[in-house]
Amino acid sequence: MKVKRIMANTATEDLDRAEAFYGGLLGLERLMDHGWFRTYGSDERMRVQVSFGTEGGSGTPVPDLSIEVDDLEAALVRFEEADIPIEYGPVSEPWGVRRFYVRDPFGKLVNILQHE
């Protein structure tokens, strides 16, 4: 057996809030829409990964999601313009990433990062 994909699922009563955050701010495409369940993504190829930690690094809480972007500064501007509070960072970490934390509309802690 081989794992082909891992998907994060979040319960919500308001799918439009997911659209605004993950589609609007992060630019993910709506890949599937059943009316009651929507999936967002991109055509970017990536490895299958699942992570576990006792902390998020630098004494931060473990984020619920980590989203790697190609331009962290552009992402930061989008979140600031949307008045989404930055909970940590932006900071360059000793393990080679620059990142910041925000909360999505559902309270999930999201680590937005770019490898340096």
C-alpha atoms as a PDB file:
ATOM      1  CA  MET A   1       0.000   0.000   0.000  1.00  0.00           C
ATOM      2  CA  LYS A   2       1.158   3.537  -0.777  1.00  0.00           C
ATOM      3  CA  VAL A   3      -0.302   6.767   0.603  1.00  0.00           C
ATOM      4  CA  LYS A   4      -1.174   9.004  -2.357  1.00  0.00           C
ATOM      5  CA  ARG A   5      -2.536  12.098  -0.642  1.00  0.00           C
ATOM      6  CA  ILE A   6      -3.263  13.559   2.770  1.00  0.00           C
ATOM      7  CA  MET A   7      -6.024  16.144   3.100  1.00  0.00           C
ATOM      8  CA  ALA A   8      -6.799  18.401   6.049  1.00  0.00           C
ATOM      9  CA  ASN A   9     -10.532  18.659   6.795  1.00  0.00           C
ATOM     10  CA  THR A  10     -12.112  21.417   8.899  1.00  0.00           C
ATOM     11  CA  ALA A  11     -15.740  21.473  10.029  1.00  0.00           C
ATOM     12  CA  THR A  12     -17.598  24.732   9.364  1.00  0.00           C
ATOM     13  CA  GLU A  13     -21.110  26.046   8.949  1.00  0.00           C
ATOM     14  CA  ASP A  14     -19.836  28.872   6.671  1.00  0.00           C
ATOM     15  CA  LEU A  15     -18.077  27.685   3.511  1.00  0.00           C
ATOM     16  CA  ASP A  16     -17.826  31.271   2.236  1.00  0.00           C
ATOM     17  CA  ARG A  17     -15.389  32.114   5.051  1.00  0.00           C
ATOM     18  CA  ALA A  18     -13.149  29.305   3.805  1.00  0.00           C
ATOM     19  CA  GLU A  19     -13.425  30.725   0.274  1.00  0.00           C
ATOM     20  CA  ALA A  20     -12.384  34.204   1.449  1.00  0.00           C
ATOM     21  CA  PHE A  21      -9.383  32.976   3.464  1.00  0.00           C
ATOM     22  CA  TYR A  22      -8.036  30.036   1.463  1.00  0.00           C
ATOM     23  CA  GLY A  23      -9.259  31.109  -1.975  1.00  0.00           C
ATOM     24  CA  GLY A  24      -9.050  34.891  -1.683  1.00  0.00           C
ATOM     25  CA  LEU A  25      -6.070  35.509   0.608  1.00  0.00           C
ATOM     26  CA  LEU A  26      -3.994  32.441  -0.219  1.00  0.00           C
ATOM     27  CA  GLY A  27      -5.051  32.130  -3.858  1.00  0.00           C
ATOM     28  CA  LEU A  28      -5.983  28.449  -3.774  1.00  0.00           C
ATOM     29  CA  GLU A  29      -8.338  27.205  -6.470  1.00  0.00           C
ATOM     30  CA  ARG A  30     -11.623  25.525  -5.668  1.00  0.00           C
ATOM     31  CA  LEU A  31     -10.950  21.993  -6.899  1.00  0.00           C
ATOM     32  CA  MET A  32     -14.167  20.360  -5.745  1.00  0.00           C
ATOM     33  CA  ASP A  33     -17.546  21.653  -4.623  1.00  0.00           C
ATOM     34  CA  HIS A  34     -20.321  19.323  -3.484  1.00  0.00           C
ATOM     35  CA  GLY A  35     -22.276  22.226  -1.988  1.00  0.00           C
ATOM     36  CA  TRP A  36     -21.671  20.871   1.520  1.00  0.00           C
ATOM     37  CA  PHE A  37     -17.933  20.155   1.165  1.00  0.00           C
ATOM     38  CA  ARG A  38     -15.329  22.160  -0.747  1.00  0.00           C
ATOM     39  CA  THR A  39     -11.694  21.341  -1.451  1.00  0.00           C
ATOM     40  CA  TYR A  40      -9.063  23.962  -2.286  1.00  0.00           C
ATOM     41  CA  GLY A  41      -5.652  23.390  -3.801  1.00  0.00           C
ATOM     42  CA  SER A  42      -3.288  24.100  -6.646  1.00  0.00           C
ATOM     43  CA  ASP A  43      -1.587  22.156  -9.400  1.00  0.00           C
ATOM     44  CA  GLU A  44       1.713  22.394  -7.502  1.00  0.00           C
ATOM     45  CA  ARG A  45       3.325  18.974  -6.984  1.00  0.00           C
ATOM     46  CA  MET A  46       4.298  18.193  -3.418  1.00  0.00           C
ATOM     47  CA  ARG A  47       5.320  15.329  -1.213  1.00  0.00           C
ATOM     48  CA  VAL A  48       2.877  13.548   1.051  1.00  0.00           C
ATOM     49  CA  GLN A  49       3.660  14.718   4.570  1.00  0.00           C
ATOM     50  CA  VAL A  50       2.145  14.674   8.038  1.00  0.00           C
ATOM     51  CA  SER A  51       3.944  16.335  10.940  1.00  0.00           C
ATOM     52  CA  PHE A  52       3.831  15.969  14.726  1.00  0.00           C
ATOM     53  CA  GLY A  53       5.526  18.144  17.331  1.00  0.00           C
ATOM     54  CA  THR A  54       5.780  19.090  20.957  1.00  0.00           C
ATOM     55  CA  GLU A  55       6.058  22.739  19.898  1.00  0.00           C
ATOM     56  CA  GLY A  56       6.067  24.746  16.682  1.00  0.00           C
ATOM     57  CA  GLY A  57       9.702  25.825  17.038  1.00  0.00           C
ATOM     58  CA  SER A  58      11.119  28.886  18.803  1.00  0.00           C
ATOM     59  CA  GLY A  59       8.736  28.173  21.694  1.00  0.00           C
ATOM     60  CA  THR A  60       5.582  28.652  19.581  1.00  0.00           C
ATOM     61  CA  PRO A  61       2.510  26.427  19.703  1.00  0.00           C
ATOM     62  CA  VAL A  62       2.245  23.641  17.129  1.00  0.00           C
ATOM     63  CA  PRO A  63       0.314  25.071  14.157  1.00  0.00           C
ATOM     64  CA  ASP A  64      -2.710  23.212  12.821  1.00  0.00           C
ATOM     65  CA  LEU A  65      -1.572  23.814   9.226  1.00  0.00           C
ATOM     66  CA  SER A  66       1.660  24.869   7.554  1.00  0.00           C
ATOM     67  CA  ILE A  67       1.349  26.516   4.153  1.00  0.00           C
ATOM     68  CA  GLU A  68       4.479  27.149   2.105  1.00  0.00           C
ATOM     69  CA  VAL A  69       4.311  30.109  -0.277  1.00  0.00           C
ATOM     70  CA  ASP A  70       6.683  31.404  -2.946  1.00  0.00           C
ATOM     71  CA  ASP A  71       6.602  35.042  -1.690  1.00  0.00           C
ATOM     72  CA  LEU A  72       6.204  35.477   2.054  1.00  0.00           C
ATOM     73  CA  GLU A  73       6.302  39.278   1.921  1.00  0.00           C
ATOM     74  CA  ALA A  74       3.411  39.362  -0.579  1.00  0.00           C
ATOM     75  CA  ALA A  75       1.441  36.973   1.653  1.00  0.00           C
ATOM     76  CA  LEU A  76       2.150  39.173   4.677  1.00  0.00           C
ATOM     77  CA  VAL A  77       0.809  42.239   2.843  1.00  0.00           C
ATOM     78  CA  ARG A  78      -2.406  40.380   1.948  1.00  0.00           C
ATOM     79  CA  PHE A  79      -3.043  39.373   5.554  1.00  0.00           C
ATOM     80  CA  GLU A  80      -2.236  42.833   6.896  1.00  0.00           C
ATOM     81  CA  GLU A  81      -4.537  44.469   4.324  1.00  0.00           C
ATOM     82  CA  ALA A  82      -7.300  42.040   5.351  1.00  0.00           C
ATOM     83  CA  ASP A  83      -6.778  43.061   9.020  1.00  0.00           C
ATOM     84  CA  ILE A  84      -5.925  39.487  10.013  1.00  0.00           C
ATOM     85  CA  PRO A  85      -3.799  39.675  13.180  1.00  0.00           C
ATOM     86  CA  ILE A  86      -0.298  38.247  12.891  1.00  0.00           C
ATOM     87  CA  GLU A  87       0.164  36.039  15.968  1.00  0.00           C
ATOM     88  CA  TYR A  88       3.883  35.390  15.493  1.00  0.00           C
ATOM     89  CA  GLY A  89       6.531  36.847  13.208  1.00  0.00           C
ATOM     90  CA  PRO A  90       7.411  37.482  10.558  1.00  0.00           C
ATOM     91  CA  VAL A  91      10.729  35.972  11.552  1.00  0.00           C
ATOM     92  CA  SER A  92      13.650  34.155   9.952  1.00  0.00           C
ATOM     93  CA  GLU A  93      14.154  30.906  11.856  1.00  0.00           C
ATOM     94  CA  PRO A  94      17.516  29.159  12.383  1.00  0.00           C
ATOM     95  CA  TRP A  95      16.315  26.065  10.439  1.00  0.00           C
ATOM     96  CA  GLY A  96      16.055  28.027   7.183  1.00  0.00           C
ATOM     97  CA  VAL A  97      12.501  29.321   6.915  1.00  0.00           C
ATOM     98  CA  ARG A  98      10.947  32.762   7.165  1.00  0.00           C
ATOM     99  CA  ARG A  99       7.417  32.596   8.548  1.00  0.00           C
ATOM    100  CA  PHE A 100       4.481  34.074  10.402  1.00  0.00           C
ATOM    101  CA  TYR A 101       1.415  32.670  12.160  1.00  0.00           C
ATOM    102  CA  VAL A 102      -2.221  33.697  11.638  1.00  0.00           C
ATOM    103  CA  ARG A 103      -5.567  32.181  12.593  1.00  0.00           C
ATOM    104  CA  ASP A 104      -8.007  31.173   9.899  1.00  0.00           C
ATOM    105  CA  PRO A 105     -11.726  32.010  10.287  1.00  0.00           C
ATOM    106  CA  PHE A 106     -12.236  28.730  12.155  1.00  0.00           C
ATOM    107  CA  GLY A 107      -9.585  29.363  14.819  1.00  0.00           C
ATOM    108  CA  LYS A 108      -6.962  27.084  13.253  1.00  0.00           C
ATOM    109  CA  LEU A 109      -3.384  28.299  13.759  1.00  0.00           C
ATOM    110  CA  VAL A 110      -1.755  28.553  10.329  1.00  0.00           C
ATOM    111  CA  ASN A 111       1.997  28.744   9.792  1.00  0.00           C
ATOM    112  CA  ILE A 112       2.684  30.676   6.552  1.00  0.00           C
ATOM    113  CA  LEU A 113       6.276  30.017   5.491  1.00  0.00           C
ATOM    114  CA  GLN A 114       8.872  30.343   2.782  1.00  0.00           C
ATOM    115  CA  HIS A 115      12.158  28.463   2.669  1.00  0.00           C
ATOM    116  CA  GLU A 116      15.076  30.867   2.583  1.00  0.00           C
END
